[in-house]
Amino acid sequence: MMELHHGRPDSMAGREEREIRTYDFLDRLGIEYWQTDHERRAETMEDCLEVDAVLSATICKNLFLTNRQKTEFYLLMMPGDKPFKTKEIPPQIGCARLSFAPEELMLKYLDIMPGAVSVMGLMNDREKVVQLLVDEDILKGEFLGCHPCVNTSSLKIRTSDVFGPFLEAVGHVFRTVVLKGE
């Protein structure tokens, strides 16, 4: 059974370096968070429903997108229960077409593997290549749930801490988008 713990896990044994770096970064910033481990990897939104119950937070669907030329990259945060319609975003950001970015570019810019995409990966984007897009509904919740750069754990963090101190520290800004999912 999953349990929610205040702050980092008691033991770092067997954890990936990218996960440990996430806890170290949040701790350095003084951002309060809660953490839970999963018995299995949370790879789909269905897997995240159980995690959602433990976190009591808006679980984010995070998508790594690119333009046709693969010269512009976007991390889209949206509610997990909202359908994603690719055609809704390009007119809002002045782009002709978006598609999912290749796995190797996700690893290169965010140091994250598919299934673990998270806003926390922006701490690895030191060159500020990835642009953050946020569905307006994400900003309405007090807390949000995300992965600490691995999909074997999840975090609960105040939305205001992510879109305040965290983004300031990583040097990223965000653009609000409106997704109807229709």
N, C-alpha and C. Protein backbone atom coordinates (compact mmCIF):
# COMPACT_ATOMS: atom_id res chain seq x y z
N MET A 1 0.84 -1.19 0.00
CA MET A 1 0.00 0.00 0.00
C MET A 1 0.88 1.25 0.00
N MET A 2 0.53 2.20 -0.84
CA MET A 2 1.32 3.43 -0.94
C MET A 2 1.04 4.32 0.27
N GLU A 3 2.12 4.96 0.73
CA GLU A 3 2.00 5.91 1.83
C GLU A 3 2.64 7.22 1.41
N LEU A 4 2.07 8.30 1.88
CA LEU A 4 2.58 9.63 1.58
C LEU A 4 3.49 10.06 2.72
N HIS A 5 4.73 10.44 2.37
CA HIS A 5 5.72 10.86 3.36
C HIS A 5 6.09 12.31 3.13
N HIS A 6 6.28 13.03 4.20
CA HIS A 6 6.69 14.43 4.10
C HIS A 6 8.17 14.47 3.74
N GLY A 7 8.51 15.12 2.63
CA GLY A 7 9.90 15.25 2.22
C GLY A 7 10.45 14.02 1.54
N ARG A 8 11.76 13.99 1.43
CA ARG A 8 12.45 12.91 0.71
C ARG A 8 12.26 11.57 1.41
N PRO A 9 12.43 10.48 0.66
CA PRO A 9 12.35 9.15 1.28
C PRO A 9 13.46 8.97 2.31
N ASP A 10 13.25 8.09 3.27
CA ASP A 10 14.24 7.85 4.31
C ASP A 10 15.55 7.30 3.75
N SER A 11 15.44 6.46 2.74
CA SER A 11 16.64 5.85 2.17
C SER A 11 16.76 6.19 0.68
N MET A 12 17.97 6.45 0.25
CA MET A 12 18.23 6.71 -1.17
C MET A 12 18.76 5.45 -1.87
N ALA A 13 18.87 4.37 -1.13
CA ALA A 13 19.39 3.12 -1.69
C ALA A 13 18.50 2.65 -2.85
N GLY A 14 19.14 2.33 -3.97
CA GLY A 14 18.44 1.80 -5.13
C GLY A 14 17.71 2.83 -5.96
N ARG A 15 17.84 4.09 -5.63
CA ARG A 15 17.15 5.14 -6.38
C ARG A 15 18.06 5.69 -7.47
N GLU A 16 17.44 6.11 -8.58
CA GLU A 16 18.21 6.66 -9.68
C GLU A 16 18.77 8.03 -9.31
N GLU A 17 19.91 8.36 -9.89
CA GLU A 17 20.56 9.64 -9.64
C GLU A 17 19.64 10.81 -9.96
N ARG A 18 18.86 10.71 -11.06
CA ARG A 18 17.97 11.82 -11.44
C ARG A 18 16.89 12.05 -10.39
N GLU A 19 16.45 11.00 -9.72
CA GLU A 19 15.46 11.15 -8.65
C GLU A 19 16.09 11.83 -7.43
N ILE A 20 17.27 11.39 -7.06
CA ILE A 20 17.97 11.98 -5.91
C ILE A 20 18.26 13.46 -6.17
N ARG A 21 18.68 13.79 -7.39
CA ARG A 21 18.93 15.20 -7.74
C ARG A 21 17.68 16.05 -7.58
N THR A 22 16.51 15.47 -7.88
CA THR A 22 15.25 16.21 -7.73
C THR A 22 15.01 16.55 -6.27
N TYR A 23 15.17 15.56 -5.38
CA TYR A 23 14.98 15.83 -3.94
C TYR A 23 16.00 16.85 -3.44
N ASP A 24 17.24 16.70 -3.87
CA ASP A 24 18.29 17.64 -3.45
C ASP A 24 17.94 19.07 -3.89
N PHE A 25 17.46 19.21 -5.11
CA PHE A 25 17.13 20.52 -5.66
C PHE A 25 15.97 21.15 -4.88
N LEU A 26 14.90 20.38 -4.67
CA LEU A 26 13.75 20.90 -3.93
C LEU A 26 14.14 21.27 -2.50
N ASP A 27 14.97 20.44 -1.87
CA ASP A 27 15.41 20.73 -0.50
C ASP A 27 16.25 22.00 -0.45
N ARG A 28 17.14 22.18 -1.43
CA ARG A 28 17.97 23.40 -1.48
C ARG A 28 17.11 24.65 -1.60
N LEU A 29 16.01 24.53 -2.35
CA LEU A 29 15.11 25.67 -2.54
C LEU A 29 14.18 25.89 -1.35
N GLY A 30 14.13 24.91 -0.45
CA GLY A 30 13.23 25.02 0.70
C GLY A 30 11.77 24.81 0.32
N ILE A 31 11.53 24.09 -0.77
CA ILE A 31 10.16 23.81 -1.21
C ILE A 31 9.65 22.57 -0.49
N GLU A 32 8.51 22.72 0.15
CA GLU A 32 7.89 21.60 0.87
C GLU A 32 7.23 20.66 -0.14
N TYR A 33 7.39 19.37 0.08
CA TYR A 33 6.78 18.38 -0.80
C TYR A 33 6.52 17.10 -0.02
N TRP A 34 5.66 16.28 -0.60
CA TRP A 34 5.36 14.97 -0.05
C TRP A 34 5.67 13.96 -1.15
N GLN A 35 6.07 12.76 -0.77
CA GLN A 35 6.54 11.77 -1.73
C GLN A 35 5.91 10.42 -1.42
N THR A 36 5.64 9.66 -2.47
CA THR A 36 5.19 8.28 -2.32
C THR A 36 5.86 7.42 -3.38
N ASP A 37 6.16 6.20 -3.03
CA ASP A 37 6.70 5.23 -3.98
C ASP A 37 5.56 4.38 -4.50
N HIS A 38 5.71 3.88 -5.73
CA HIS A 38 4.70 3.03 -6.35
C HIS A 38 5.19 1.58 -6.31
N GLU A 39 4.25 0.67 -6.20
CA GLU A 39 4.62 -0.74 -6.29
C GLU A 39 4.99 -1.11 -7.72
N ARG A 40 4.39 -0.40 -8.68
CA ARG A 40 4.75 -0.61 -10.08
C ARG A 40 4.89 0.76 -10.72
N ARG A 41 5.55 0.80 -11.85
CA ARG A 41 5.77 2.07 -12.55
C ARG A 41 4.43 2.67 -12.98
N ALA A 42 4.30 3.97 -12.81
CA ALA A 42 3.10 4.69 -13.27
C ALA A 42 3.40 5.16 -14.69
N GLU A 43 2.98 4.37 -15.67
CA GLU A 43 3.28 4.68 -17.06
C GLU A 43 2.09 5.22 -17.83
N THR A 44 0.90 4.97 -17.34
CA THR A 44 -0.29 5.46 -18.02
C THR A 44 -1.11 6.28 -17.03
N MET A 45 -2.07 7.02 -17.55
CA MET A 45 -2.93 7.80 -16.66
C MET A 45 -3.76 6.86 -15.79
N GLU A 46 -4.09 5.68 -16.27
CA GLU A 46 -4.83 4.72 -15.47
C GLU A 46 -3.99 4.29 -14.26
N ASP A 47 -2.69 4.08 -14.49
CA ASP A 47 -1.79 3.74 -13.38
C ASP A 47 -1.77 4.85 -12.34
N CYS A 48 -1.96 6.07 -12.80
CA CYS A 48 -1.87 7.23 -11.91
C CYS A 48 -3.11 7.43 -11.05
N LEU A 49 -4.22 6.75 -11.35
CA LEU A 49 -5.43 6.94 -10.56
C LEU A 49 -5.21 6.52 -9.11
N GLU A 50 -4.52 5.43 -8.90
CA GLU A 50 -4.22 4.98 -7.53
C GLU A 50 -3.32 6.00 -6.83
N VAL A 51 -2.35 6.51 -7.55
CA VAL A 51 -1.45 7.53 -7.00
C VAL A 51 -2.24 8.79 -6.67
N ASP A 52 -3.18 9.14 -7.54
CA ASP A 52 -4.03 10.32 -7.34
C ASP A 52 -4.74 10.25 -6.00
N ALA A 53 -5.26 9.09 -5.66
CA ALA A 53 -5.98 8.93 -4.40
C ALA A 53 -5.06 9.17 -3.20
N VAL A 54 -3.81 8.77 -3.31
CA VAL A 54 -2.84 8.96 -2.22
C VAL A 54 -2.41 10.42 -2.13
N LEU A 55 -2.17 11.05 -3.26
CA LEU A 55 -1.66 12.43 -3.27
C LEU A 55 -2.72 13.48 -2.95
N SER A 56 -3.96 13.23 -3.33
CA SER A 56 -5.02 14.25 -3.21
C SER A 56 -4.57 15.56 -3.85
N ALA A 57 -4.13 15.45 -5.08
CA ALA A 57 -3.62 16.60 -5.83
C ALA A 57 -4.00 16.43 -7.30
N THR A 58 -3.92 17.52 -8.06
CA THR A 58 -4.16 17.45 -9.50
C THR A 58 -3.00 16.71 -10.15
N ILE A 59 -3.28 15.53 -10.66
CA ILE A 59 -2.24 14.75 -11.34
C ILE A 59 -2.09 15.31 -12.75
N CYS A 60 -0.87 15.65 -13.08
CA CYS A 60 -0.60 16.26 -14.39
C CYS A 60 -0.26 15.23 -15.44
N LYS A 61 -0.83 15.42 -16.61
CA LYS A 61 -0.39 14.70 -17.80
C LYS A 61 0.67 15.62 -18.39
N ASN A 62 1.86 15.10 -18.62
CA ASN A 62 2.97 15.89 -19.13
C ASN A 62 3.39 15.33 -20.47
N LEU A 63 3.36 16.17 -21.49
CA LEU A 63 3.68 15.73 -22.85
C LEU A 63 4.85 16.54 -23.38
N PHE A 64 5.81 15.84 -23.99
CA PHE A 64 6.97 16.49 -24.59
C PHE A 64 6.73 16.57 -26.09
N LEU A 65 6.58 17.79 -26.58
CA LEU A 65 6.15 18.04 -27.96
C LEU A 65 7.21 18.83 -28.73
N THR A 66 7.10 18.77 -30.06
CA THR A 66 8.01 19.52 -30.92
C THR A 66 7.29 19.99 -32.18
N ASN A 67 7.87 20.98 -32.82
CA ASN A 67 7.34 21.41 -34.12
C ASN A 67 7.84 20.43 -35.18
N ARG A 68 7.37 20.61 -36.39
CA ARG A 68 7.71 19.69 -37.49
C ARG A 68 9.22 19.63 -37.75
N GLN A 69 9.90 20.77 -37.63
CA GLN A 69 11.34 20.84 -37.92
C GLN A 69 12.21 20.34 -36.76
N LYS A 70 11.58 20.07 -35.62
CA LYS A 70 12.30 19.65 -34.41
C LYS A 70 13.32 20.71 -33.96
N THR A 71 12.86 21.97 -34.06
CA THR A 71 13.70 23.09 -33.62
C THR A 71 13.12 23.79 -32.40
N GLU A 72 11.85 23.56 -32.11
CA GLU A 72 11.17 24.13 -30.95
C GLU A 72 10.62 22.97 -30.13
N PHE A 73 10.81 23.05 -28.80
CA PHE A 73 10.37 21.96 -27.92
C PHE A 73 9.50 22.51 -26.81
N TYR A 74 8.48 21.75 -26.45
CA TYR A 74 7.49 22.19 -25.48
C TYR A 74 7.21 21.07 -24.48
N LEU A 75 7.05 21.46 -23.23
CA LEU A 75 6.55 20.56 -22.20
C LEU A 75 5.15 21.07 -21.88
N LEU A 76 4.15 20.25 -22.15
CA LEU A 76 2.77 20.62 -21.89
C LEU A 76 2.30 19.94 -20.62
N MET A 77 1.83 20.75 -19.66
CA MET A 77 1.22 20.23 -18.43
C MET A 77 -0.28 20.44 -18.54
N MET A 78 -1.02 19.35 -18.34
CA MET A 78 -2.48 19.44 -18.40
C MET A 78 -3.07 18.44 -17.41
N PRO A 79 -4.33 18.63 -17.01
CA PRO A 79 -4.94 17.67 -16.08
C PRO A 79 -4.96 16.28 -16.70
N GLY A 80 -4.71 15.29 -15.88
CA GLY A 80 -4.65 13.91 -16.36
C GLY A 80 -5.94 13.40 -16.94
N ASP A 81 -7.06 13.96 -16.52
CA ASP A 81 -8.34 13.45 -17.00
C ASP A 81 -8.87 14.22 -18.23
N LYS A 82 -8.09 15.16 -18.72
CA LYS A 82 -8.53 15.96 -19.88
C LYS A 82 -7.96 15.34 -21.15
N PRO A 83 -8.79 15.11 -22.16
CA PRO A 83 -8.27 14.57 -23.42
C PRO A 83 -7.33 15.56 -24.10
N PHE A 84 -6.32 15.02 -24.76
CA PHE A 84 -5.36 15.86 -25.48
C PHE A 84 -5.71 15.89 -26.95
N LYS A 85 -5.91 17.09 -27.47
CA LYS A 85 -6.18 17.29 -28.89
C LYS A 85 -5.07 18.18 -29.43
N THR A 86 -4.18 17.62 -30.21
CA THR A 86 -3.01 18.33 -30.73
C THR A 86 -3.37 19.64 -31.42
N LYS A 87 -4.47 19.66 -32.14
CA LYS A 87 -4.85 20.82 -32.94
C LYS A 87 -5.18 22.05 -32.10
N GLU A 88 -5.45 21.89 -30.81
CA GLU A 88 -5.83 23.04 -29.97
C GLU A 88 -4.66 23.96 -29.65
N ILE A 89 -3.46 23.45 -29.63
CA ILE A 89 -2.32 24.23 -29.14
C ILE A 89 -1.66 25.13 -30.18
N PRO A 90 -1.36 24.66 -31.41
CA PRO A 90 -0.63 25.49 -32.36
C PRO A 90 -1.16 26.91 -32.55
N PRO A 91 -2.48 27.13 -32.69
CA PRO A 91 -2.93 28.51 -32.87
C PRO A 91 -2.65 29.40 -31.65
N GLN A 92 -2.55 28.79 -30.48
CA GLN A 92 -2.31 29.57 -29.26
C GLN A 92 -0.84 29.96 -29.09
N ILE A 93 0.06 29.24 -29.75
CA ILE A 93 1.49 29.52 -29.57
C ILE A 93 2.18 29.94 -30.86
N GLY A 94 1.42 30.08 -31.94
CA GLY A 94 1.99 30.54 -33.20
C GLY A 94 2.85 29.50 -33.89
N CYS A 95 2.41 28.27 -33.85
CA CYS A 95 3.15 27.16 -34.46
C CYS A 95 2.20 26.47 -35.45
N ALA A 96 2.73 25.99 -36.55
CA ALA A 96 1.89 25.35 -37.56
C ALA A 96 1.38 23.98 -37.12
N ARG A 97 2.26 23.18 -36.52
CA ARG A 97 1.89 21.80 -36.19
C ARG A 97 2.78 21.29 -35.08
N LEU A 98 2.23 20.48 -34.18
CA LEU A 98 3.01 19.85 -33.12
C LEU A 98 2.86 18.34 -33.18
N SER A 99 3.89 17.66 -32.74
CA SER A 99 3.83 16.20 -32.60
C SER A 99 4.68 15.83 -31.38
N PHE A 100 4.65 14.57 -31.03
CA PHE A 100 5.44 14.12 -29.89
C PHE A 100 6.92 14.12 -30.28
N ALA A 101 7.74 14.63 -29.39
CA ALA A 101 9.19 14.70 -29.66
C ALA A 101 9.81 13.33 -29.43
N PRO A 102 10.90 13.05 -30.13
CA PRO A 102 11.57 11.76 -29.98
C PRO A 102 12.14 11.56 -28.56
N GLU A 103 12.16 10.32 -28.16
CA GLU A 103 12.65 9.92 -26.84
C GLU A 103 14.07 10.42 -26.58
N GLU A 104 14.94 10.35 -27.58
CA GLU A 104 16.33 10.75 -27.38
C GLU A 104 16.45 12.25 -27.07
N LEU A 105 15.53 13.06 -27.60
CA LEU A 105 15.56 14.50 -27.31
C LEU A 105 14.99 14.80 -25.92
N MET A 106 14.03 13.99 -25.48
CA MET A 106 13.52 14.11 -24.12
C MET A 106 14.64 13.83 -23.12
N LEU A 107 15.40 12.81 -23.40
CA LEU A 107 16.53 12.45 -22.54
C LEU A 107 17.61 13.52 -22.60
N LYS A 108 17.88 14.04 -23.78
CA LYS A 108 18.92 15.05 -23.95
C LYS A 108 18.59 16.35 -23.21
N TYR A 109 17.36 16.84 -23.35
CA TYR A 109 17.02 18.15 -22.78
C TYR A 109 16.49 18.09 -21.36
N LEU A 110 15.73 17.04 -21.02
CA LEU A 110 15.10 16.97 -19.69
C LEU A 110 15.70 15.89 -18.79
N ASP A 111 16.55 15.03 -19.33
CA ASP A 111 17.10 13.88 -18.60
C ASP A 111 15.98 13.05 -17.99
N ILE A 112 14.98 12.77 -18.81
CA ILE A 112 13.82 11.99 -18.39
C ILE A 112 13.50 10.96 -19.47
N MET A 113 13.05 9.80 -19.00
CA MET A 113 12.63 8.74 -19.91
C MET A 113 11.12 8.82 -20.12
N PRO A 114 10.60 8.29 -21.23
CA PRO A 114 9.16 8.27 -21.45
C PRO A 114 8.44 7.63 -20.25
N GLY A 115 7.30 8.18 -19.91
CA GLY A 115 6.54 7.68 -18.77
C GLY A 115 6.86 8.42 -17.48
N ALA A 116 7.94 9.18 -17.49
CA ALA A 116 8.34 9.90 -16.28
C ALA A 116 8.41 11.41 -16.52
N VAL A 117 7.89 11.88 -17.65
CA VAL A 117 7.97 13.30 -17.98
C VAL A 117 7.31 14.12 -16.89
N SER A 118 7.98 15.19 -16.51
CA SER A 118 7.53 16.01 -15.39
C SER A 118 8.14 17.40 -15.49
N VAL A 119 7.46 18.35 -14.88
CA VAL A 119 7.98 19.71 -14.81
C VAL A 119 9.33 19.73 -14.09
N MET A 120 9.58 18.75 -13.24
CA MET A 120 10.86 18.68 -12.53
C MET A 120 12.04 18.54 -13.49
N GLY A 121 11.81 17.99 -14.68
CA GLY A 121 12.86 17.84 -15.67
C GLY A 121 13.42 19.17 -16.15
N LEU A 122 12.69 20.26 -15.95
CA LEU A 122 13.20 21.57 -16.38
C LEU A 122 14.45 21.97 -15.62
N MET A 123 14.70 21.35 -14.46
CA MET A 123 15.94 21.66 -13.73
C MET A 123 17.16 21.16 -14.50
N ASN A 124 16.95 20.24 -15.45
CA ASN A 124 18.03 19.70 -16.27
C ASN A 124 18.20 20.44 -17.59
N ASP A 125 17.29 21.34 -17.90
CA ASP A 125 17.31 22.09 -19.16
C ASP A 125 18.06 23.41 -18.95
N ARG A 126 19.34 23.29 -18.76
CA ARG A 126 20.16 24.47 -18.43
C ARG A 126 20.27 25.46 -19.59
N GLU A 127 20.08 25.00 -20.81
CA GLU A 127 20.16 25.88 -21.98
C GLU A 127 18.82 26.50 -22.33
N LYS A 128 17.78 26.20 -21.56
CA LYS A 128 16.43 26.77 -21.75
C LYS A 128 15.88 26.50 -23.15
N VAL A 129 16.01 25.27 -23.59
CA VAL A 129 15.54 24.86 -24.91
C VAL A 129 14.04 24.57 -24.88
N VAL A 130 13.55 24.04 -23.78
CA VAL A 130 12.16 23.61 -23.67
C VAL A 130 11.28 24.74 -23.14
N GLN A 131 10.17 24.97 -23.82
CA GLN A 131 9.20 25.98 -23.40
C GLN A 131 8.06 25.29 -22.65
N LEU A 132 7.67 25.86 -21.52
CA LEU A 132 6.62 25.26 -20.70
C LEU A 132 5.26 25.84 -21.05
N LEU A 133 4.34 24.95 -21.40
CA LEU A 133 2.95 25.30 -21.67
C LEU A 133 2.09 24.66 -20.58
N VAL A 134 1.18 25.44 -20.02
CA VAL A 134 0.38 24.96 -18.90
C VAL A 134 -1.10 25.22 -19.16
N ASP A 135 -1.89 24.15 -19.15
CA ASP A 135 -3.32 24.33 -19.27
C ASP A 135 -3.83 25.12 -18.07
N GLU A 136 -4.74 26.05 -18.32
CA GLU A 136 -5.23 26.94 -17.27
C GLU A 136 -5.78 26.19 -16.06
N ASP A 137 -6.31 24.99 -16.25
CA ASP A 137 -6.90 24.25 -15.13
C ASP A 137 -5.85 23.76 -14.13
N ILE A 138 -4.63 23.58 -14.56
CA ILE A 138 -3.55 23.16 -13.64
C ILE A 138 -3.33 24.24 -12.59
N LEU A 139 -3.45 25.48 -12.97
CA LEU A 139 -3.16 26.60 -12.08
C LEU A 139 -4.23 26.81 -11.02
N LYS A 140 -5.36 26.14 -11.14
CA LYS A 140 -6.49 26.33 -10.22
C LYS A 140 -6.37 25.52 -8.94
N GLY A 141 -5.61 24.43 -8.96
CA GLY A 141 -5.52 23.58 -7.78
C GLY A 141 -4.47 24.06 -6.79
N GLU A 142 -4.68 23.75 -5.52
CA GLU A 142 -3.71 24.13 -4.49
C GLU A 142 -2.42 23.31 -4.62
N PHE A 143 -2.59 22.02 -4.98
CA PHE A 143 -1.44 21.12 -5.11
C PHE A 143 -1.45 20.48 -6.49
N LEU A 144 -0.27 20.06 -6.94
CA LEU A 144 -0.19 19.24 -8.14
C LEU A 144 0.69 18.04 -7.86
N GLY A 145 0.45 17.01 -8.64
CA GLY A 145 1.23 15.78 -8.52
C GLY A 145 2.10 15.62 -9.74
N CYS A 146 3.34 15.21 -9.53
CA CYS A 146 4.27 14.99 -10.64
C CYS A 146 5.32 13.97 -10.23
N HIS A 147 6.07 13.50 -11.19
CA HIS A 147 7.16 12.56 -10.92
C HIS A 147 8.45 13.30 -10.60
N PRO A 148 9.28 12.72 -9.73
CA PRO A 148 10.62 13.30 -9.48
C PRO A 148 11.62 12.79 -10.51
N CYS A 149 11.27 12.92 -11.80
CA CYS A 149 12.11 12.52 -12.93
C CYS A 149 12.23 11.00 -13.10
N VAL A 150 11.46 10.24 -12.34
CA VAL A 150 11.33 8.79 -12.52
C VAL A 150 9.86 8.46 -12.29
N ASN A 151 9.38 7.35 -12.87
CA ASN A 151 7.97 7.04 -12.69
C ASN A 151 7.72 5.93 -11.68
N THR A 152 8.64 5.77 -10.74
CA THR A 152 8.46 4.82 -9.64
C THR A 152 8.11 5.55 -8.35
N SER A 153 8.04 6.88 -8.42
CA SER A 153 7.66 7.72 -7.28
C SER A 153 6.84 8.89 -7.80
N SER A 154 6.10 9.50 -6.89
CA SER A 154 5.35 10.71 -7.23
C SER A 154 5.48 11.71 -6.10
N LEU A 155 5.33 12.98 -6.48
CA LEU A 155 5.43 14.09 -5.53
C LEU A 155 4.12 14.85 -5.48
N LYS A 156 3.85 15.41 -4.33
CA LYS A 156 2.76 16.36 -4.14
C LYS A 156 3.43 17.67 -3.74
N ILE A 157 3.19 18.73 -4.53
CA ILE A 157 3.84 20.02 -4.30
C ILE A 157 2.78 21.11 -4.45
N ARG A 158 2.92 22.17 -3.69
CA ARG A 158 2.01 23.31 -3.85
C ARG A 158 2.19 23.89 -5.26
N THR A 159 1.10 24.12 -5.91
CA THR A 159 1.12 24.70 -7.26
C THR A 159 1.88 26.03 -7.24
N SER A 160 1.66 26.82 -6.21
CA SER A 160 2.33 28.13 -6.12
C SER A 160 3.85 27.97 -5.98
N ASP A 161 4.33 26.88 -5.39
CA ASP A 161 5.77 26.65 -5.28
C ASP A 161 6.38 26.25 -6.62
N VAL A 162 5.63 25.47 -7.40
CA VAL A 162 6.13 25.06 -8.72
C VAL A 162 6.20 26.28 -9.64
N PHE A 163 5.11 27.07 -9.67
CA PHE A 163 5.05 28.20 -10.60
C PHE A 163 5.63 29.48 -10.02
N GLY A 164 6.25 29.37 -8.88
CA GLY A 164 6.96 30.49 -8.26
C GLY A 164 8.42 30.13 -8.09
N PRO A 165 8.82 29.74 -6.88
CA PRO A 165 10.24 29.48 -6.60
C PRO A 165 10.91 28.44 -7.50
N PHE A 166 10.21 27.35 -7.84
CA PHE A 166 10.84 26.32 -8.67
C PHE A 166 11.19 26.87 -10.06
N LEU A 167 10.19 27.44 -10.75
CA LEU A 167 10.46 27.96 -12.10
C LEU A 167 11.46 29.11 -12.08
N GLU A 168 11.42 29.93 -11.06
CA GLU A 168 12.42 31.00 -10.94
C GLU A 168 13.82 30.41 -10.83
N ALA A 169 13.96 29.38 -10.03
CA ALA A 169 15.28 28.76 -9.82
C ALA A 169 15.82 28.10 -11.08
N VAL A 170 14.94 27.52 -11.89
CA VAL A 170 15.40 26.86 -13.11
C VAL A 170 15.43 27.82 -14.30
N GLY A 171 14.99 29.05 -14.09
CA GLY A 171 15.06 30.07 -15.14
C GLY A 171 14.08 29.87 -16.28
N HIS A 172 12.93 29.28 -15.99
CA HIS A 172 11.91 29.07 -17.01
C HIS A 172 10.67 29.89 -16.68
N VAL A 173 9.97 30.28 -17.71
CA VAL A 173 8.67 30.92 -17.57
C VAL A 173 7.65 29.96 -18.20
N PHE A 174 6.38 30.26 -18.04
CA PHE A 174 5.38 29.40 -18.66
C PHE A 174 4.36 30.23 -19.41
N ARG A 175 3.73 29.59 -20.37
CA ARG A 175 2.62 30.18 -21.11
C ARG A 175 1.38 29.38 -20.77
N THR A 176 0.31 30.10 -20.47
CA THR A 176 -0.97 29.44 -20.20
C THR A 176 -1.66 29.16 -21.52
N VAL A 177 -2.18 27.95 -21.66
CA VAL A 177 -2.97 27.58 -22.82
C VAL A 177 -4.34 27.09 -22.33
N VAL A 178 -5.30 27.14 -23.21
CA VAL A 178 -6.66 26.70 -22.87
C VAL A 178 -6.96 25.47 -23.72
N LEU A 179 -7.13 24.35 -23.05
CA LEU A 179 -7.45 23.10 -23.73
C LEU A 179 -8.85 22.68 -23.38
N LYS A 180 -9.69 22.53 -24.38
CA LYS A 180 -11.06 22.13 -24.14
C LYS A 180 -11.21 20.62 -24.18
N GLY A 181 -10.31 19.95 -24.90
CA GLY A 181 -10.36 18.50 -24.99
C GLY A 181 -11.56 17.98 -25.77
N GLU A 182 -12.09 18.81 -26.63
CA GLU A 182 -13.29 18.40 -27.40
C GLU A 182 -12.94 17.93 -28.78
